[in-house]
Every structure is written in structure tokens, then in C-alpha cells.
Amino acid sequence: MSNSVTETDPAQEYVNGALSDGERVNIRRFCGYPAYGAGPSGFQGWRYFQAYGLLEYRLGVQADGVTPNLAPAELAILRQYLAALYTLEAAIPGAGANLDTESAAVWVHNGNEVSDRTMLFDQWCRRLCQFLGLPPGPGLSAGGNSVDLVV
């Protein structure tokens, strides 16, 4: 009797596997779309944003409930975007720690550090939207430090 075991690579399963709830939440957030909520019963949702419906389809799974709608290579790239965005986002609050110092010895504070980091983060969020084939959501669409008003 043979006790052969088929090895699976957990990293490959992660790359090919469907997106977790946390990953989908962060992708929506990074793309500038509002929180989805507990379900489709809220007034904010895919019904009010045509692109949001496309986003939800891309992040979802096929009818079998397992197979992601994105190809394995696309999922790998999407997860690379997430890793970069997590790092960029985490650096913004840390830059605020230097706001009280203009210069110290030979070190000179970059007075634009927070805005520079925020712009870089927003630029990467827009690149994520481009990759997914979506327009930036209402939280990201202004393109600067202003807010879009949708009536």
C-alpha cells in the first residue's frame, strides 16, 4: 500500500485562491468606493455606481462559489498592488511625527512629506483602478486635495 501525499504549495493556493473579505474591503477602499456594508440592502452600493458593479464582479467568484473571476496571474498582480498600498498607506501617519521639527543638526525636514506621501499613495490607488479597468470612486476621483460633489 502506498502512502503518497500530493504536496500543495500554500503560496500558489494563496495566489490562485479567491480574494478574502478583508482583501475585497481594502480594494474597494483603495479604489475610492464607499463601504459595502453588511449586504446589498443599503442605499449605497453597486446600484448607485455602475463601475461599482463591475468592481464587485471582478472581485467575486464564479457560479461555483470557488473559482475567482480574475485569472491567477491577475490575482497575483492585484495582491502585489495590495502589498504596496498597505506599505504606502502606513507611511503617511508616520510622516506626521516629523511635523514639529523644521531642522535638527544636518537633518532638514521635508515640509511637504505628508502631502508627497499622500499623493504617491493616491497615485498607486489610481494605478490599481486602471489595472481593474475602473474609474476611481468618489473618494478618489478629485485628483488632488479637493472633494468631488455628486448631486
C-alpha atoms as a PDB file:
ATOM      1  CA  MET A   1       0.000   0.000   0.000  1.00  0.00           C
ATOM      2  CA  SER A   2       1.379   3.369  -0.972  1.00  0.00           C
ATOM      3  CA  ASN A   3       1.035   6.364   1.272  1.00  0.00           C
ATOM      4  CA  SER A   4       1.763   9.003  -1.327  1.00  0.00           C
ATOM      5  CA  VAL A   5       0.839  12.536  -0.472  1.00  0.00           C
ATOM      6  CA  THR A   6       0.359  15.184  -3.097  1.00  0.00           C
ATOM      7  CA  GLU A   7       2.134  18.297  -1.958  1.00  0.00           C
ATOM      8  CA  THR A   8       0.404  21.611  -2.418  1.00  0.00           C
ATOM      9  CA  ASP A   9       2.180  24.890  -2.359  1.00  0.00           C
ATOM     10  CA  PRO A  10       0.304  27.196   0.063  1.00  0.00           C
ATOM     11  CA  ALA A  11       1.774  30.239  -1.669  1.00  0.00           C
ATOM     12  CA  GLN A  12       0.367  29.086  -5.009  1.00  0.00           C
ATOM     13  CA  GLU A  13      -3.017  28.389  -3.411  1.00  0.00           C
ATOM     14  CA  TYR A  14      -2.963  31.921  -1.976  1.00  0.00           C
ATOM     15  CA  VAL A  15      -2.132  33.438  -5.356  1.00  0.00           C
ATOM     16  CA  ASN A  16      -4.800  31.449  -7.188  1.00  0.00           C
ATOM     17  CA  GLY A  17      -7.417  31.487  -4.419  1.00  0.00           C
ATOM     18  CA  ALA A  18     -10.378  33.816  -4.246  1.00  0.00           C
ATOM     19  CA  LEU A  19      -9.909  37.139  -2.519  1.00  0.00           C
ATOM     20  CA  SER A  20     -10.654  37.228   1.193  1.00  0.00           C
ATOM     21  CA  ASP A  21     -13.289  39.568   2.618  1.00  0.00           C
ATOM     22  CA  GLY A  22     -10.510  41.756   4.021  1.00  0.00           C
ATOM     23  CA  GLU A  23      -8.781  41.996   0.650  1.00  0.00           C
ATOM     24  CA  ARG A  24     -12.050  42.955  -1.074  1.00  0.00           C
ATOM     25  CA  VAL A  25     -12.761  45.625   1.556  1.00  0.00           C
ATOM     26  CA  ASN A  26      -9.303  47.134   1.084  1.00  0.00           C
ATOM     27  CA  ILE A  27      -9.561  47.059  -2.713  1.00  0.00           C
ATOM     28  CA  ARG A  28     -12.892  48.910  -2.558  1.00  0.00           C
ATOM     29  CA  ARG A  29     -11.365  51.406  -0.145  1.00  0.00           C
ATOM     30  CA  PHE A  30      -8.190  51.910  -2.188  1.00  0.00           C
ATOM     31  CA  CYS A  31     -10.285  52.422  -5.335  1.00  0.00           C
ATOM     32  CA  GLY A  32     -12.252  55.183  -3.584  1.00  0.00           C
ATOM     33  CA  TYR A  33     -15.587  53.373  -3.259  1.00  0.00           C
ATOM     34  CA  PRO A  34     -17.656  53.561  -0.073  1.00  0.00           C
ATOM     35  CA  ALA A  35     -18.080  50.724   2.385  1.00  0.00           C
ATOM     36  CA  TYR A  36     -20.261  47.906   1.070  1.00  0.00           C
ATOM     37  CA  GLY A  37     -21.937  47.268   4.403  1.00  0.00           C
ATOM     38  CA  ALA A  38     -23.484  44.050   5.648  1.00  0.00           C
ATOM     39  CA  GLY A  39     -25.210  43.339   2.359  1.00  0.00           C
ATOM     40  CA  PRO A  40     -26.879  44.777  -0.712  1.00  0.00           C
ATOM     41  CA  SER A  41     -29.814  46.197   1.285  1.00  0.00           C
ATOM     42  CA  GLY A  42     -28.217  49.606   1.916  1.00  0.00           C
ATOM     43  CA  PHE A  43     -28.784  52.573  -0.345  1.00  0.00           C
ATOM     44  CA  GLN A  44     -25.029  52.837  -1.043  1.00  0.00           C
ATOM     45  CA  GLY A  45     -23.987  50.026  -3.311  1.00  0.00           C
ATOM     46  CA  TRP A  46     -23.453  48.755  -6.779  1.00  0.00           C
ATOM     47  CA  ARG A  47     -26.888  50.014  -7.887  1.00  0.00           C
ATOM     48  CA  TYR A  48     -25.689  53.604  -7.498  1.00  0.00           C
ATOM     49  CA  PHE A  49     -22.287  53.213  -9.125  1.00  0.00           C
ATOM     50  CA  GLN A  50     -22.131  51.437 -12.487  1.00  0.00           C
ATOM     51  CA  ALA A  51     -18.395  50.926 -12.013  1.00  0.00           C
ATOM     52  CA  TYR A  52     -19.045  49.503  -8.534  1.00  0.00           C
ATOM     53  CA  GLY A  53     -20.975  46.621 -10.113  1.00  0.00           C
ATOM     54  CA  LEU A  54     -18.002  45.889 -12.355  1.00  0.00           C
ATOM     55  CA  LEU A  55     -15.678  46.084  -9.357  1.00  0.00           C
ATOM     56  CA  GLU A  56     -17.821  43.621  -7.407  1.00  0.00           C
ATOM     57  CA  TYR A  57     -17.855  41.244 -10.367  1.00  0.00           C
ATOM     58  CA  ARG A  58     -14.071  41.376 -10.737  1.00  0.00           C
ATOM     59  CA  LEU A  59     -13.567  40.771  -7.011  1.00  0.00           C
ATOM     60  CA  GLY A  60     -16.122  37.983  -6.857  1.00  0.00           C
ATOM     61  CA  VAL A  61     -16.230  34.332  -7.777  1.00  0.00           C
ATOM     62  CA  GLN A  62     -17.969  32.356 -10.488  1.00  0.00           C
ATOM     63  CA  ALA A  63     -21.219  30.442 -10.025  1.00  0.00           C
ATOM     64  CA  ASP A  64     -19.410  27.510  -8.407  1.00  0.00           C
ATOM     65  CA  GLY A  65     -18.644  29.793  -5.451  1.00  0.00           C
ATOM     66  CA  VAL A  66     -14.948  28.949  -5.569  1.00  0.00           C
ATOM     67  CA  THR A  67     -13.337  29.982  -8.857  1.00  0.00           C
ATOM     68  CA  PRO A  68     -12.300  33.666  -8.871  1.00  0.00           C
ATOM     69  CA  ASN A  69     -13.429  35.851 -11.769  1.00  0.00           C
ATOM     70  CA  LEU A  70      -9.842  37.071 -12.199  1.00  0.00           C
ATOM     71  CA  ALA A  71      -7.159  34.874 -13.751  1.00  0.00           C
ATOM     72  CA  PRO A  72      -4.404  33.567 -11.445  1.00  0.00           C
ATOM     73  CA  ALA A  73      -1.852  35.984 -12.942  1.00  0.00           C
ATOM     74  CA  GLU A  74      -4.268  38.889 -12.398  1.00  0.00           C
ATOM     75  CA  LEU A  75      -4.825  37.850  -8.785  1.00  0.00           C
ATOM     76  CA  ALA A  76      -1.050  37.774  -8.248  1.00  0.00           C
ATOM     77  CA  ILE A  77      -0.678  41.310  -9.625  1.00  0.00           C
ATOM     78  CA  LEU A  78      -3.671  42.511  -7.596  1.00  0.00           C
ATOM     79  CA  ARG A  79      -2.100  41.149  -4.426  1.00  0.00           C
ATOM     80  CA  GLN A  80       1.184  42.896  -5.314  1.00  0.00           C
ATOM     81  CA  TYR A  81      -0.761  46.165  -5.548  1.00  0.00           C
ATOM     82  CA  LEU A  82      -2.315  45.469  -2.143  1.00  0.00           C
ATOM     83  CA  ALA A  83       1.096  44.833  -0.562  1.00  0.00           C
ATOM     84  CA  ALA A  84       2.477  48.092  -1.991  1.00  0.00           C
ATOM     85  CA  LEU A  85      -0.593  50.079  -0.944  1.00  0.00           C
ATOM     86  CA  TYR A  86      -0.510  48.731   2.619  1.00  0.00           C
ATOM     87  CA  THR A  87       3.097  49.940   2.920  1.00  0.00           C
ATOM     88  CA  LEU A  88       2.422  53.346   1.349  1.00  0.00           C
ATOM     89  CA  GLU A  89      -0.663  53.936   3.497  1.00  0.00           C
ATOM     90  CA  ALA A  90       1.130  53.002   6.713  1.00  0.00           C
ATOM     91  CA  ALA A  91       3.927  55.502   5.959  1.00  0.00           C
ATOM     92  CA  ILE A  92       1.591  58.522   5.846  1.00  0.00           C
ATOM     93  CA  PRO A  93       0.711  58.733   9.567  1.00  0.00           C
ATOM     94  CA  GLY A  94       4.357  58.084  10.480  1.00  0.00           C
ATOM     95  CA  ALA A  95       5.395  61.120   8.449  1.00  0.00           C
ATOM     96  CA  GLY A  96       3.254  63.241  10.742  1.00  0.00           C
ATOM     97  CA  ALA A  97       5.690  62.574  13.581  1.00  0.00           C
ATOM     98  CA  ASN A  98       8.174  64.953  11.933  1.00  0.00           C
ATOM     99  CA  LEU A  99       5.808  67.892  11.589  1.00  0.00           C
ATOM    100  CA  ASP A 100       7.069  69.561  14.743  1.00  0.00           C
ATOM    101  CA  THR A 101      10.711  69.772  13.578  1.00  0.00           C
ATOM    102  CA  GLU A 102      11.903  72.045  10.800  1.00  0.00           C
ATOM    103  CA  SER A 103      15.557  71.052  11.109  1.00  0.00           C
ATOM    104  CA  ALA A 104      17.824  69.221  13.530  1.00  0.00           C
ATOM    105  CA  ALA A 105      21.618  69.331  13.133  1.00  0.00           C
ATOM    106  CA  VAL A 106      22.241  68.481   9.481  1.00  0.00           C
ATOM    107  CA  TRP A 107      18.829  66.856   9.003  1.00  0.00           C
ATOM    108  CA  VAL A 108      16.257  69.155   7.369  1.00  0.00           C
ATOM    109  CA  HIS A 109      12.582  68.270   7.440  1.00  0.00           C
ATOM    110  CA  ASN A 110      10.729  67.967   4.151  1.00  0.00           C
ATOM    111  CA  GLY A 111       7.778  70.233   4.800  1.00  0.00           C
ATOM    112  CA  ASN A 112       5.826  68.511   2.042  1.00  0.00           C
ATOM    113  CA  GLU A 113       6.455  64.958   3.253  1.00  0.00           C
ATOM    114  CA  VAL A 114       2.882  64.181   4.292  1.00  0.00           C
ATOM    115  CA  SER A 115       1.360  65.604   1.114  1.00  0.00           C
ATOM    116  CA  ASP A 116       4.055  63.935  -1.027  1.00  0.00           C
ATOM    117  CA  ARG A 117       3.354  60.560   0.575  1.00  0.00           C
ATOM    118  CA  THR A 118      -0.395  61.075   0.242  1.00  0.00           C
ATOM    119  CA  MET A 119      -0.046  61.956  -3.436  1.00  0.00           C
ATOM    120  CA  LEU A 120       2.117  58.867  -4.015  1.00  0.00           C
ATOM    121  CA  PHE A 121      -0.433  56.694  -2.229  1.00  0.00           C
ATOM    122  CA  ASP A 122      -3.296  58.197  -4.279  1.00  0.00           C
ATOM    123  CA  GLN A 123      -1.292  57.694  -7.472  1.00  0.00           C
ATOM    124  CA  TRP A 124      -0.902  53.986  -6.668  1.00  0.00           C
ATOM    125  CA  CYS A 125      -4.619  53.767  -5.851  1.00  0.00           C
ATOM    126  CA  ARG A 126      -5.364  55.184  -9.302  1.00  0.00           C
ATOM    127  CA  ARG A 127      -2.998  52.637 -10.849  1.00  0.00           C
ATOM    128  CA  LEU A 128      -4.969  49.891  -9.088  1.00  0.00           C
ATOM    129  CA  CYS A 129      -8.183  51.313 -10.587  1.00  0.00           C
ATOM    130  CA  GLN A 130      -6.541  51.342 -14.024  1.00  0.00           C
ATOM    131  CA  PHE A 131      -5.465  47.732 -13.626  1.00  0.00           C
ATOM    132  CA  LEU A 132      -9.027  46.728 -12.713  1.00  0.00           C
ATOM    133  CA  GLY A 133     -10.431  48.795 -15.606  1.00  0.00           C
ATOM    134  CA  LEU A 134     -12.432  51.084 -13.324  1.00  0.00           C
ATOM    135  CA  PRO A 135     -12.769  54.812 -12.900  1.00  0.00           C
ATOM    136  CA  PRO A 136     -11.627  55.972  -9.465  1.00  0.00           C
ATOM    137  CA  GLY A 137     -14.515  56.006  -6.992  1.00  0.00           C
ATOM    138  CA  PRO A 138     -15.967  59.144  -5.399  1.00  0.00           C
ATOM    139  CA  GLY A 139     -13.404  59.051  -2.593  1.00  0.00           C
ATOM    140  CA  LEU A 140     -10.516  59.187  -5.060  1.00  0.00           C
ATOM    141  CA  SER A 141     -11.816  60.913  -8.181  1.00  0.00           C
ATOM    142  CA  ALA A 142     -10.951  64.510  -7.352  1.00  0.00           C
ATOM    143  CA  GLY A 143      -7.333  64.037  -8.390  1.00  0.00           C
ATOM    144  CA  GLY A 144      -5.972  66.364  -5.749  1.00  0.00           C
ATOM    145  CA  ASN A 145      -6.757  67.636  -2.298  1.00  0.00           C
ATOM    146  CA  SER A 146     -10.341  68.547  -3.137  1.00  0.00           C
ATOM    147  CA  VAL A 147     -13.564  66.600  -2.815  1.00  0.00           C
ATOM    148  CA  ASP A 148     -15.960  65.927  -5.702  1.00  0.00           C
ATOM    149  CA  LEU A 149     -19.568  66.873  -5.052  1.00  0.00           C
ATOM    150  CA  VAL A 150     -22.030  64.487  -6.675  1.00  0.00           C
ATOM    151  CA  VAL A 151     -25.591  65.777  -6.952  1.00  0.00           C
END
